């Protein structure tokens, strides 16, 4: 039987981030206490606003590079059972500029956290992997087995995430979720770490041309944040009274590809706007095509995405409009 009925104290690293804050909010709504860690290098204190008054939420402004972090958290918070490790350097261009720092944060720090989780007897360690682990592999859809030591990663970010995923997947308590292109509320369009959807929406709502890097024919697998959160719950055995996933690597996407040009047009349609598109050169480290095979997660965990691209865009657009109204001096 699964452990849905039992309450599990969960550590969420990167809790002030886009996905981390949604995950923490969902865990708390299910009655699971949450210990959140973030150093605000890319996360925002604003994302913690919905959490700060929640019973069972404890926050520590700390870096995942600190040695002994999980040991300390386990001793300060009784019955720590699960670690959701989402904290990372998340910018591909930044990783190209600072490869050594990226390797330290995204790979070595992950290894130390995993080791600490095993030593402290945690039940599960769920890691935020990335589609960037596949490099520019054009065998689509991408199977988990396609990423390997011989993969030519397009960026230090992709390489570090791959090495960390391999280490996590090899542990009896480890699950790596290779998440594809996530979008939804709380994805800050002004952040250099933000995804293309929030940036396009911000441009459309502000009356600016939509800036497209490259020719716009590159494709991505866009998945709404609530579907990602559900995948984390499935991985840890906190959903639908199922046991946690067997250790290993699992793709999390929709299995559907969308070109950047198609995405831009859909956003304009949902927003009821007409805007020009401005094309700029390709960014270093960007991959050409990406779409997930999600059969492994469907079969092992009974998970599948529920929110369509258009529905998710509508929800995100509504949130962004509310944010703009809320920040208006009027």
C-alpha atoms as a PDB file:
ATOM      1  CA  UNK A   1       0.000   0.000   0.000  1.00  0.00           C
ATOM      2  CA  UNK A   2       1.041   3.612  -0.517  1.00  0.00           C
ATOM      3  CA  UNK A   3       1.631   6.164   2.186  1.00  0.00           C
ATOM      4  CA  UNK A   4      -0.998   8.720   1.174  1.00  0.00           C
ATOM      5  CA  UNK A   5      -2.793   8.506   4.530  1.00  0.00           C
ATOM      6  CA  UNK A   6       0.397   9.054   6.557  1.00  0.00           C
ATOM      7  CA  UNK A   7       1.793  12.554   6.962  1.00  0.00           C
ATOM      8  CA  UNK A   8       5.419  12.871   5.908  1.00  0.00           C
ATOM      9  CA  UNK A   9       7.697  15.786   6.772  1.00  0.00           C
ATOM     10  CA  UNK A  10       9.247  16.906   3.482  1.00  0.00           C
ATOM     11  CA  UNK A  11      12.349  18.955   2.749  1.00  0.00           C
ATOM     12  CA  UNK A  12      11.965  21.118  -0.371  1.00  0.00           C
ATOM     13  CA  UNK A  13      15.130  22.782  -1.645  1.00  0.00           C
ATOM     14  CA  UNK A  14      14.542  25.704  -3.981  1.00  0.00           C
ATOM     15  CA  UNK A  15      11.255  26.335  -2.171  1.00  0.00           C
ATOM     16  CA  UNK A  16      11.158  30.015  -3.205  1.00  0.00           C
ATOM     17  CA  UNK A  17      11.398  29.062  -6.858  1.00  0.00           C
ATOM     18  CA  UNK A  18       8.633  28.787  -9.410  1.00  0.00           C
ATOM     19  CA  UNK A  19       8.067  25.027  -9.098  1.00  0.00           C
ATOM     20  CA  UNK A  20       9.300  24.653  -5.522  1.00  0.00           C
ATOM     21  CA  UNK A  21       6.716  27.068  -4.147  1.00  0.00           C
ATOM     22  CA  UNK A  22       3.880  25.284  -5.965  1.00  0.00           C
ATOM     23  CA  UNK A  23       5.116  21.915  -4.684  1.00  0.00           C
ATOM     24  CA  UNK A  24       5.350  23.165  -1.099  1.00  0.00           C
ATOM     25  CA  UNK A  25       1.866  24.667  -1.285  1.00  0.00           C
ATOM     26  CA  UNK A  26       0.434  21.373  -2.545  1.00  0.00           C
ATOM     27  CA  UNK A  27       2.217  19.319   0.115  1.00  0.00           C
ATOM     28  CA  UNK A  28       0.912  21.605   2.859  1.00  0.00           C
ATOM     29  CA  UNK A  29      -2.625  21.370   1.472  1.00  0.00           C
ATOM     30  CA  UNK A  30      -2.362  17.589   1.861  1.00  0.00           C
ATOM     31  CA  UNK A  31      -1.255  17.964   5.476  1.00  0.00           C
ATOM     32  CA  UNK A  32       2.442  17.184   4.994  1.00  0.00           C
ATOM     33  CA  UNK A  33       4.776  19.472   6.991  1.00  0.00           C
ATOM     34  CA  UNK A  34       7.331  21.239   4.780  1.00  0.00           C
ATOM     35  CA  UNK A  35      10.861  22.343   5.607  1.00  0.00           C
ATOM     36  CA  UNK A  36      11.840  24.819   2.906  1.00  0.00           C
ATOM     37  CA  UNK A  37      15.385  25.828   1.958  1.00  0.00           C
ATOM     38  CA  UNK A  38      16.390  28.595  -0.455  1.00  0.00           C
ATOM     39  CA  UNK A  39      19.175  31.182  -0.768  1.00  0.00           C
ATOM     40  CA  UNK A  40      17.199  33.417  -3.167  1.00  0.00           C
ATOM     41  CA  UNK A  41      19.883  33.223  -5.856  1.00  0.00           C
ATOM     42  CA  UNK A  42      17.074  32.674  -8.359  1.00  0.00           C
ATOM     43  CA  UNK A  43      13.990  32.179  -6.177  1.00  0.00           C
ATOM     44  CA  UNK A  44      11.860  35.073  -4.937  1.00  0.00           C
ATOM     45  CA  UNK A  45      10.656  35.896  -1.409  1.00  0.00           C
ATOM     46  CA  UNK A  46       7.354  36.809  -3.038  1.00  0.00           C
ATOM     47  CA  UNK A  47       6.767  33.155  -3.906  1.00  0.00           C
ATOM     48  CA  UNK A  48       6.791  32.350  -0.193  1.00  0.00           C
ATOM     49  CA  UNK A  49       3.877  34.695   0.569  1.00  0.00           C
ATOM     50  CA  UNK A  50       1.218  31.967   0.147  1.00  0.00           C
ATOM     51  CA  UNK A  51       3.237  29.696   2.461  1.00  0.00           C
ATOM     52  CA  UNK A  52       4.447  31.842   5.330  1.00  0.00           C
ATOM     53  CA  UNK A  53       1.280  31.619   7.428  1.00  0.00           C
ATOM     54  CA  UNK A  54       0.645  27.938   6.709  1.00  0.00           C
ATOM     55  CA  UNK A  55       0.752  25.635   9.676  1.00  0.00           C
ATOM     56  CA  UNK A  56       3.575  23.145   9.249  1.00  0.00           C
ATOM     57  CA  UNK A  57       5.811  25.358   7.080  1.00  0.00           C
ATOM     58  CA  UNK A  58       9.354  26.115   8.253  1.00  0.00           C
ATOM     59  CA  UNK A  59      11.778  28.153   6.167  1.00  0.00           C
ATOM     60  CA  UNK A  60      15.589  28.342   6.283  1.00  0.00           C
ATOM     61  CA  UNK A  61      17.552  30.786   4.137  1.00  0.00           C
ATOM     62  CA  UNK A  62      20.453  28.486   3.346  1.00  0.00           C
ATOM     63  CA  UNK A  63      22.540  27.316   0.404  1.00  0.00           C
ATOM     64  CA  UNK A  64      22.514  23.719  -0.811  1.00  0.00           C
ATOM     65  CA  UNK A  65      26.302  23.932  -1.138  1.00  0.00           C
ATOM     66  CA  UNK A  66      26.626  23.957   2.674  1.00  0.00           C
ATOM     67  CA  UNK A  67      28.035  20.675   3.882  1.00  0.00           C
ATOM     68  CA  UNK A  68      25.909  18.724   6.330  1.00  0.00           C
ATOM     69  CA  UNK A  69      22.744  20.602   5.405  1.00  0.00           C
ATOM     70  CA  UNK A  70      20.401  17.606   5.388  1.00  0.00           C
ATOM     71  CA  UNK A  71      21.883  16.271   8.615  1.00  0.00           C
ATOM     72  CA  UNK A  72      21.179  19.597  10.294  1.00  0.00           C
ATOM     73  CA  UNK A  73      17.646  19.800   8.893  1.00  0.00           C
ATOM     74  CA  UNK A  74      16.891  16.231   9.988  1.00  0.00           C
ATOM     75  CA  UNK A  75      18.013  17.007  13.519  1.00  0.00           C
ATOM     76  CA  UNK A  76      16.109  20.286  13.716  1.00  0.00           C
ATOM     77  CA  UNK A  77      12.899  18.818  12.300  1.00  0.00           C
ATOM     78  CA  UNK A  78      11.722  15.472  13.622  1.00  0.00           C
ATOM     79  CA  UNK A  79      10.597  12.728  11.266  1.00  0.00           C
ATOM     80  CA  UNK A  80      12.079  14.203   8.089  1.00  0.00           C
ATOM     81  CA  UNK A  81      11.161  11.553   5.529  1.00  0.00           C
ATOM     82  CA  UNK A  82      11.412  12.884   1.982  1.00  0.00           C
ATOM     83  CA  UNK A  83      13.713  15.304   0.160  1.00  0.00           C
ATOM     84  CA  UNK A  84      12.492  17.074  -2.964  1.00  0.00           C
ATOM     85  CA  UNK A  85      15.662  18.606  -4.391  1.00  0.00           C
ATOM     86  CA  UNK A  86      14.771  21.404  -6.807  1.00  0.00           C
ATOM     87  CA  UNK A  87      17.422  24.014  -5.981  1.00  0.00           C
ATOM     88  CA  UNK A  88      19.915  24.585  -8.797  1.00  0.00           C
ATOM     89  CA  UNK A  89      21.558  27.017 -11.135  1.00  0.00           C
ATOM     90  CA  UNK A  90      18.766  27.098 -13.696  1.00  0.00           C
ATOM     91  CA  UNK A  91      20.053  29.399 -16.437  1.00  0.00           C
ATOM     92  CA  UNK A  92      21.664  27.721 -19.451  1.00  0.00           C
ATOM     93  CA  UNK A  93      23.507  30.904 -20.585  1.00  0.00           C
ATOM     94  CA  UNK A  94      24.781  31.421 -17.019  1.00  0.00           C
ATOM     95  CA  UNK A  95      26.111  27.860 -16.982  1.00  0.00           C
ATOM     96  CA  UNK A  96      28.029  28.544 -20.199  1.00  0.00           C
ATOM     97  CA  UNK A  97      29.658  31.562 -18.547  1.00  0.00           C
ATOM     98  CA  UNK A  98      30.342  29.790 -15.221  1.00  0.00           C
ATOM     99  CA  UNK A  99      30.760  26.050 -15.820  1.00  0.00           C
ATOM    100  CA  UNK A 100      32.708  25.268 -12.636  1.00  0.00           C
ATOM    101  CA  UNK A 101      30.148  26.935 -10.375  1.00  0.00           C
ATOM    102  CA  UNK A 102      27.374  25.130 -12.232  1.00  0.00           C
ATOM    103  CA  UNK A 103      29.054  21.759 -11.709  1.00  0.00           C
ATOM    104  CA  UNK A 104      29.530  22.467  -7.996  1.00  0.00           C
ATOM    105  CA  UNK A 105      25.924  23.521  -7.390  1.00  0.00           C
ATOM    106  CA  UNK A 106      24.064  21.195  -9.745  1.00  0.00           C
ATOM    107  CA  UNK A 107      26.165  18.042  -9.401  1.00  0.00           C
ATOM    108  CA  UNK A 108      28.489  17.982  -6.394  1.00  0.00           C
ATOM    109  CA  UNK A 109      26.034  19.605  -3.973  1.00  0.00           C
ATOM    110  CA  UNK A 110      23.346  17.173  -5.129  1.00  0.00           C
ATOM    111  CA  UNK A 111      25.652  14.261  -4.366  1.00  0.00           C
ATOM    112  CA  UNK A 112      26.275  15.532  -0.848  1.00  0.00           C
ATOM    113  CA  UNK A 113      22.557  16.019  -0.225  1.00  0.00           C
ATOM    114  CA  UNK A 114      21.828  12.505  -1.475  1.00  0.00           C
ATOM    115  CA  UNK A 115      24.529  11.050   0.748  1.00  0.00           C
ATOM    116  CA  UNK A 116      23.094  12.920   3.731  1.00  0.00           C
ATOM    117  CA  UNK A 117      19.587  11.696   2.933  1.00  0.00           C
ATOM    118  CA  UNK A 118      20.782   8.088   2.923  1.00  0.00           C
ATOM    119  CA  UNK A 119      22.710   8.542   6.168  1.00  0.00           C
ATOM    120  CA  UNK A 120      19.678  10.095   7.878  1.00  0.00           C
ATOM    121  CA  UNK A 121      17.414   7.263   6.749  1.00  0.00           C
ATOM    122  CA  UNK A 122      15.101   9.256   4.491  1.00  0.00           C
ATOM    123  CA  UNK A 123      12.544   7.246   2.530  1.00  0.00           C
ATOM    124  CA  UNK A 124      12.851   9.075  -0.787  1.00  0.00           C
ATOM    125  CA  UNK A 125      15.069  11.594  -2.581  1.00  0.00           C
ATOM    126  CA  UNK A 126      13.330  13.123  -5.604  1.00  0.00           C
ATOM    127  CA  UNK A 127      15.519  15.215  -7.895  1.00  0.00           C
ATOM    128  CA  UNK A 128      14.605  17.843 -10.473  1.00  0.00           C
ATOM    129  CA  UNK A 129      16.310  16.577 -13.605  1.00  0.00           C
ATOM    130  CA  UNK A 130      16.059  18.286 -16.981  1.00  0.00           C
ATOM    131  CA  UNK A 131      15.375  17.657 -20.652  1.00  0.00           C
ATOM    132  CA  UNK A 132      18.751  19.336 -21.231  1.00  0.00           C
ATOM    133  CA  UNK A 133      20.312  16.022 -20.194  1.00  0.00           C
ATOM    134  CA  UNK A 134      19.606  14.718 -23.714  1.00  0.00           C
ATOM    135  CA  UNK A 135      21.698  17.338 -25.483  1.00  0.00           C
ATOM    136  CA  UNK A 136      20.757  17.695 -29.148  1.00  0.00           C
ATOM    137  CA  UNK A 137      19.646  14.082 -29.570  1.00  0.00           C
ATOM    138  CA  UNK A 138      17.224  14.038 -32.509  1.00  0.00           C
ATOM    139  CA  UNK A 139      15.733  10.601 -31.805  1.00  0.00           C
ATOM    140  CA  UNK A 140      12.258  11.763 -30.899  1.00  0.00           C
ATOM    141  CA  UNK A 141      10.392  11.247 -28.686  1.00  0.00           C
ATOM    142  CA  UNK A 142      13.206  11.126 -26.160  1.00  0.00           C
ATOM    143  CA  UNK A 143      13.470   7.930 -24.112  1.00  0.00           C
ATOM    144  CA  UNK A 144      15.165   7.931 -20.726  1.00  0.00           C
ATOM    145  CA  UNK A 145      17.827   5.556 -22.069  1.00  0.00           C
ATOM    146  CA  UNK A 146      18.946   8.048 -24.728  1.00  0.00           C
ATOM    147  CA  UNK A 147      20.971  10.117 -22.238  1.00  0.00           C
ATOM    148  CA  UNK A 148      24.313   8.508 -21.451  1.00  0.00           C
ATOM    149  CA  UNK A 149      28.008   9.160 -20.853  1.00  0.00           C
ATOM    150  CA  UNK A 150      28.501   9.603 -24.601  1.00  0.00           C
ATOM    151  CA  UNK A 151      25.794  12.284 -24.898  1.00  0.00           C
ATOM    152  CA  UNK A 152      27.106  15.593 -26.232  1.00  0.00           C
ATOM    153  CA  UNK A 153      25.452  18.056 -23.902  1.00  0.00           C
ATOM    154  CA  UNK A 154      24.801  21.518 -25.296  1.00  0.00           C
ATOM    155  CA  UNK A 155      25.707  23.266 -22.036  1.00  0.00           C
ATOM    156  CA  UNK A 156      27.386  22.752 -18.654  1.00  0.00           C
ATOM    157  CA  UNK A 157      23.876  22.925 -17.208  1.00  0.00           C
ATOM    158  CA  UNK A 158      22.813  19.849 -19.179  1.00  0.00           C
ATOM    159  CA  UNK A 159      25.998  17.958 -18.306  1.00  0.00           C
ATOM    160  CA  UNK A 160      25.765  18.686 -14.581  1.00  0.00           C
ATOM    161  CA  UNK A 161      22.095  17.743 -14.470  1.00  0.00           C
ATOM    162  CA  UNK A 162      22.839  14.456 -16.251  1.00  0.00           C
ATOM    163  CA  UNK A 163      25.605  13.507 -13.822  1.00  0.00           C
ATOM    164  CA  UNK A 164      23.369  14.340 -10.870  1.00  0.00           C
ATOM    165  CA  UNK A 165      20.466  12.355 -12.324  1.00  0.00           C
ATOM    166  CA  UNK A 166      22.686   9.317 -12.776  1.00  0.00           C
ATOM    167  CA  UNK A 167      23.870   9.519  -9.169  1.00  0.00           C
ATOM    168  CA  UNK A 168      20.344   9.922  -7.820  1.00  0.00           C
ATOM    169  CA  UNK A 169      18.898   7.135  -9.975  1.00  0.00           C
ATOM    170  CA  UNK A 170      21.569   4.709  -8.754  1.00  0.00           C
ATOM    171  CA  UNK A 171      20.476   5.160  -5.132  1.00  0.00           C
ATOM    172  CA  UNK A 172      17.773   2.844  -3.745  1.00  0.00           C
ATOM    173  CA  UNK A 173      15.886   5.921  -2.495  1.00  0.00           C
ATOM    174  CA  UNK A 174      16.514   8.088  -5.572  1.00  0.00           C
ATOM    175  CA  UNK A 175      14.183   9.207  -8.353  1.00  0.00           C
ATOM    176  CA  UNK A 176      15.170  11.768 -10.981  1.00  0.00           C
ATOM    177  CA  UNK A 177      12.354  13.470 -12.859  1.00  0.00           C
ATOM    178  CA  UNK A 178      13.610  14.799 -16.188  1.00  0.00           C
ATOM    179  CA  UNK A 179      11.233  17.715 -16.489  1.00  0.00           C
ATOM    180  CA  UNK A 180      10.671  19.309 -19.865  1.00  0.00           C
ATOM    181  CA  UNK A 181       9.549  22.943 -20.371  1.00  0.00           C
ATOM    182  CA  UNK A 182       7.469  23.948 -17.359  1.00  0.00           C
ATOM    183  CA  UNK A 183       5.179  26.966 -17.320  1.00  0.00           C
ATOM    184  CA  UNK A 184       2.490  28.527 -15.150  1.00  0.00           C
ATOM    185  CA  UNK A 185       1.805  31.186 -12.508  1.00  0.00           C
ATOM    186  CA  UNK A 186       4.755  32.582 -10.499  1.00  0.00           C
ATOM    187  CA  UNK A 187       7.154  32.272 -13.421  1.00  0.00           C
ATOM    188  CA  UNK A 188       8.621  35.776 -13.333  1.00  0.00           C
ATOM    189  CA  UNK A 189       9.021  37.174 -16.872  1.00  0.00           C
ATOM    190  CA  UNK A 190      11.553  39.760 -15.676  1.00  0.00           C
ATOM    191  CA  UNK A 191      13.911  37.077 -14.400  1.00  0.00           C
ATOM    192  CA  UNK A 192      16.830  36.005 -16.620  1.00  0.00           C
ATOM    193  CA  UNK A 193      15.958  32.445 -15.576  1.00  0.00           C
ATOM    194  CA  UNK A 194      12.385  32.614 -16.828  1.00  0.00           C
ATOM    195  CA  UNK A 195      10.965  30.504 -19.637  1.00  0.00           C
ATOM    196  CA  UNK A 196       9.807  31.608 -23.059  1.00  0.00           C
ATOM    197  CA  UNK A 197       6.085  31.463 -22.248  1.00  0.00           C
ATOM    198  CA  UNK A 198       6.142  34.030 -19.450  1.00  0.00           C
ATOM    199  CA  UNK A 199       8.405  36.278 -21.521  1.00  0.00           C
ATOM    200  CA  UNK A 200       6.120  36.088 -24.564  1.00  0.00           C
ATOM    201  CA  UNK A 201       3.068  36.808 -22.413  1.00  0.00           C
ATOM    202  CA  UNK A 202       4.730  39.787 -20.787  1.00  0.00           C
ATOM    203  CA  UNK A 203       5.668  41.202 -24.201  1.00  0.00           C
ATOM    204  CA  UNK A 204       2.142  40.678 -25.527  1.00  0.00           C
ATOM    205  CA  UNK A 205       0.450  42.308 -22.539  1.00  0.00           C
ATOM    206  CA  UNK A 206       2.820  45.279 -22.618  1.00  0.00           C
ATOM    207  CA  UNK A 207       2.324  45.866 -26.316  1.00  0.00           C
ATOM    208  CA  UNK A 208       5.864  44.917 -27.322  1.00  0.00           C
ATOM    209  CA  UNK A 209       6.927  42.780 -30.302  1.00  0.00           C
ATOM    210  CA  UNK A 210       7.607  39.152 -29.398  1.00  0.00           C
ATOM    211  CA  UNK A 211      11.349  38.437 -29.498  1.00  0.00           C
ATOM    212  CA  UNK A 212      12.180  35.034 -30.994  1.00  0.00           C
ATOM    213  CA  UNK A 213      15.699  33.605 -30.743  1.00  0.00           C
ATOM    214  CA  UNK A 214      16.716  31.692 -33.869  1.00  0.00           C
ATOM    215  CA  UNK A 215      14.210  30.935 -36.624  1.00  0.00           C
ATOM    216  CA  UNK A 216      11.383  29.930 -34.280  1.00  0.00           C
ATOM    217  CA  UNK A 217      11.124  26.442 -35.761  1.00  0.00           C
ATOM    218  CA  UNK A 218      12.787  24.833 -32.754  1.00  0.00           C
ATOM    219  CA  UNK A 219      10.336  22.710 -30.759  1.00  0.00           C
ATOM    220  CA  UNK A 220       9.686  22.111 -27.082  1.00  0.00           C
ATOM    221  CA  UNK A 221       7.425  19.994 -24.875  1.00  0.00           C
ATOM    222  CA  UNK A 222       5.546  22.477 -22.664  1.00  0.00           C
ATOM    223  CA  UNK A 223       3.962  21.166 -19.459  1.00  0.00           C
ATOM    224  CA  UNK A 224       1.843  23.027 -16.910  1.00  0.00           C
ATOM    225  CA  UNK A 225       3.196  23.359 -13.391  1.00  0.00           C
ATOM    226  CA  UNK A 226       0.348  21.511 -11.624  1.00  0.00           C
ATOM    227  CA  UNK A 227       1.087  18.408 -13.705  1.00  0.00           C
ATOM    228  CA  UNK A 228       4.747  18.630 -12.678  1.00  0.00           C
ATOM    229  CA  UNK A 229       3.771  18.908  -9.012  1.00  0.00           C
ATOM    230  CA  UNK A 230       1.608  15.813  -9.315  1.00  0.00           C
ATOM    231  CA  UNK A 231       4.571  13.925 -10.804  1.00  0.00           C
ATOM    232  CA  UNK A 232       6.653  14.810  -7.739  1.00  0.00           C
ATOM    233  CA  UNK A 233       3.922  13.479  -5.467  1.00  0.00           C
ATOM    234  CA  UNK A 234       3.719  10.265  -7.487  1.00  0.00           C
ATOM    235  CA  UNK A 235       7.500   9.838  -7.335  1.00  0.00           C
ATOM    236  CA  UNK A 236       7.499  10.079  -3.539  1.00  0.00           C
ATOM    237  CA  UNK A 237       4.460   7.859  -3.009  1.00  0.00           C
ATOM    238  CA  UNK A 238       2.238  10.716  -1.860  1.00  0.00           C
ATOM    239  CA  UNK A 239      -0.450  10.382  -4.530  1.00  0.00           C
ATOM    240  CA  UNK A 240      -3.380   8.018  -5.074  1.00  0.00           C
ATOM    241  CA  UNK A 241      -2.318   5.636  -2.314  1.00  0.00           C
ATOM    242  CA  UNK A 242       0.485   4.224  -4.458  1.00  0.00           C
ATOM    243  CA  UNK A 243       3.957   3.204  -3.389  1.00  0.00           C
ATOM    244  CA  UNK A 244       6.766   5.517  -4.437  1.00  0.00           C
ATOM    245  CA  UNK A 245       8.311   4.971  -7.832  1.00  0.00           C
ATOM    246  CA  UNK A 246      11.102   2.418  -8.229  1.00  0.00           C
ATOM    247  CA  UNK A 247      14.446   4.193  -8.202  1.00  0.00           C
ATOM    248  CA  UNK A 248      15.502   5.461 -11.596  1.00  0.00           C
ATOM    249  CA  UNK A 249      14.940   8.242 -14.126  1.00  0.00           C
ATOM    250  CA  UNK A 250      11.557   9.279 -15.522  1.00  0.00           C
ATOM    251  CA  UNK A 251      10.624  11.864 -18.138  1.00  0.00           C
ATOM    252  CA  UNK A 252       7.926  14.380 -17.220  1.00  0.00           C
ATOM    253  CA  UNK A 253       6.341  16.104 -20.196  1.00  0.00           C
ATOM    254  CA  UNK A 254       3.238  15.893 -22.344  1.00  0.00           C
ATOM    255  CA  UNK A 255       4.622  13.893 -25.249  1.00  0.00           C
ATOM    256  CA  UNK A 256       3.553  16.679 -27.616  1.00  0.00           C
ATOM    257  CA  UNK A 257       5.904  19.088 -29.401  1.00  0.00           C
ATOM    258  CA  UNK A 258       5.182  22.754 -30.106  1.00  0.00           C
ATOM    259  CA  UNK A 259       7.333  25.077 -32.197  1.00  0.00           C
ATOM    260  CA  UNK A 260       8.263  28.462 -30.775  1.00  0.00           C
ATOM    261  CA  UNK A 261       6.410  30.176 -33.622  1.00  0.00           C
ATOM    262  CA  UNK A 262       3.293  28.095 -32.949  1.00  0.00           C
ATOM    263  CA  UNK A 263       3.587  28.922 -29.259  1.00  0.00           C
ATOM    264  CA  UNK A 264       3.868  32.648 -29.959  1.00  0.00           C
ATOM    265  CA  UNK A 265       0.791  32.593 -32.182  1.00  0.00           C
ATOM    266  CA  UNK A 266      -1.233  30.636 -29.603  1.00  0.00           C
ATOM    267  CA  UNK A 267      -0.297  33.080 -26.849  1.00  0.00           C
ATOM    268  CA  UNK A 268      -1.396  36.005 -29.006  1.00  0.00           C
ATOM    269  CA  UNK A 269      -4.698  34.245 -29.714  1.00  0.00           C
ATOM    270  CA  UNK A 270      -5.330  33.493 -26.034  1.00  0.00           C
ATOM    271  CA  UNK A 271      -4.427  37.074 -25.123  1.00  0.00           C
ATOM    272  CA  UNK A 272      -6.567  38.514 -27.914  1.00  0.00           C
ATOM    273  CA  UNK A 273      -3.582  40.467 -29.217  1.00  0.00           C
ATOM    274  CA  UNK A 274      -1.836  41.072 -32.513  1.00  0.00           C
ATOM    275  CA  UNK A 275       1.895  41.711 -32.299  1.00  0.00           C
ATOM    276  CA  UNK A 276       4.904  41.609 -34.574  1.00  0.00           C
ATOM    277  CA  UNK A 277       7.733  39.145 -34.035  1.00  0.00           C
ATOM    278  CA  UNK A 278      11.377  40.195 -33.915  1.00  0.00           C
ATOM    279  CA  UNK A 279      13.998  37.540 -34.676  1.00  0.00           C
ATOM    280  CA  UNK A 280      17.415  37.496 -33.014  1.00  0.00           C
ATOM    281  CA  UNK A 281      20.367  35.106 -33.141  1.00  0.00           C
ATOM    282  CA  UNK A 282      20.293  31.731 -31.430  1.00  0.00           C
ATOM    283  CA  UNK A 283      21.365  31.654 -27.786  1.00  0.00           C
ATOM    284  CA  UNK A 284      24.433  29.602 -26.819  1.00  0.00           C
ATOM    285  CA  UNK A 285      23.567  26.229 -25.340  1.00  0.00           C
ATOM    286  CA  UNK A 286      20.015  26.087 -26.700  1.00  0.00           C
ATOM    287  CA  UNK A 287      18.886  22.770 -28.183  1.00  0.00           C
ATOM    288  CA  UNK A 288      16.947  22.390 -31.442  1.00  0.00           C
ATOM    289  CA  UNK A 289      14.148  19.913 -30.765  1.00  0.00           C
ATOM    290  CA  UNK A 290      12.793  18.330 -27.607  1.00  0.00           C
ATOM    291  CA  UNK A 291       9.765  16.157 -26.844  1.00  0.00           C
ATOM    292  CA  UNK A 292       9.385  13.521 -24.148  1.00  0.00           C
ATOM    293  CA  UNK A 293       8.364   9.910 -24.169  1.00  0.00           C
ATOM    294  CA  UNK A 294       6.308   9.657 -20.979  1.00  0.00           C
ATOM    295  CA  UNK A 295       5.479   5.947 -21.139  1.00  0.00           C
ATOM    296  CA  UNK A 296       7.765   5.017 -18.223  1.00  0.00           C
ATOM    297  CA  UNK A 297       6.064   7.366 -15.755  1.00  0.00           C
ATOM    298  CA  UNK A 298       2.606   6.403 -17.002  1.00  0.00           C
ATOM    299  CA  UNK A 299       3.308   2.712 -16.527  1.00  0.00           C
ATOM    300  CA  UNK A 300       5.184   2.888 -13.221  1.00  0.00           C
ATOM    301  CA  UNK A 301       3.142   5.585 -11.508  1.00  0.00           C
ATOM    302  CA  UNK A 302      -0.171   5.873 -13.309  1.00  0.00           C
ATOM    303  CA  UNK A 303       0.636   9.532 -13.991  1.00  0.00           C
ATOM    304  CA  UNK A 304      -0.360  11.501 -17.051  1.00  0.00           C
ATOM    305  CA  UNK A 305      -0.698  15.228 -17.788  1.00  0.00           C
ATOM    306  CA  UNK A 306      -4.155  16.744 -17.376  1.00  0.00           C
ATOM    307  CA  UNK A 307      -3.791  20.400 -18.434  1.00  0.00           C
ATOM    308  CA  UNK A 308      -3.650  21.224 -22.154  1.00  0.00           C
ATOM    309  CA  UNK A 309      -1.301  23.880 -23.507  1.00  0.00           C
ATOM    310  CA  UNK A 310      -4.125  26.292 -24.325  1.00  0.00           C
ATOM    311  CA  UNK A 311      -5.811  25.800 -20.933  1.00  0.00           C
ATOM    312  CA  UNK A 312      -2.517  26.304 -19.119  1.00  0.00           C
ATOM    313  CA  UNK A 313      -1.771  29.418 -21.159  1.00  0.00           C
ATOM    314  CA  UNK A 314      -5.175  30.817 -20.215  1.00  0.00           C
ATOM    315  CA  UNK A 315      -4.554  30.232 -16.502  1.00  0.00           C
ATOM    316  CA  UNK A 316      -1.094  31.749 -16.708  1.00  0.00           C
ATOM    317  CA  UNK A 317      -2.323  34.766 -18.643  1.00  0.00           C
ATOM    318  CA  UNK A 318      -5.037  35.414 -16.059  1.00  0.00           C
ATOM    319  CA  UNK A 319      -2.429  35.318 -13.282  1.00  0.00           C
ATOM    320  CA  UNK A 320      -0.125  37.706 -15.156  1.00  0.00           C
ATOM    321  CA  UNK A 321      -2.950  40.178 -15.749  1.00  0.00           C
ATOM    322  CA  UNK A 322      -3.814  40.088 -12.049  1.00  0.00           C
ATOM    323  CA  UNK A 323      -0.157  40.632 -11.180  1.00  0.00           C
ATOM    324  CA  UNK A 324       0.047  43.641 -13.502  1.00  0.00           C
ATOM    325  CA  UNK A 325      -3.100  45.152 -11.981  1.00  0.00           C
ATOM    326  CA  UNK A 326      -1.794  44.505  -8.489  1.00  0.00           C
ATOM    327  CA  UNK A 327       1.509  46.236  -9.222  1.00  0.00           C
ATOM    328  CA  UNK A 328      -0.167  49.235 -10.880  1.00  0.00           C
ATOM    329  CA  UNK A 329       0.114  52.521  -8.936  1.00  0.00           C
ATOM    330  CA  UNK A 330      -3.579  53.012  -9.628  1.00  0.00           C
END
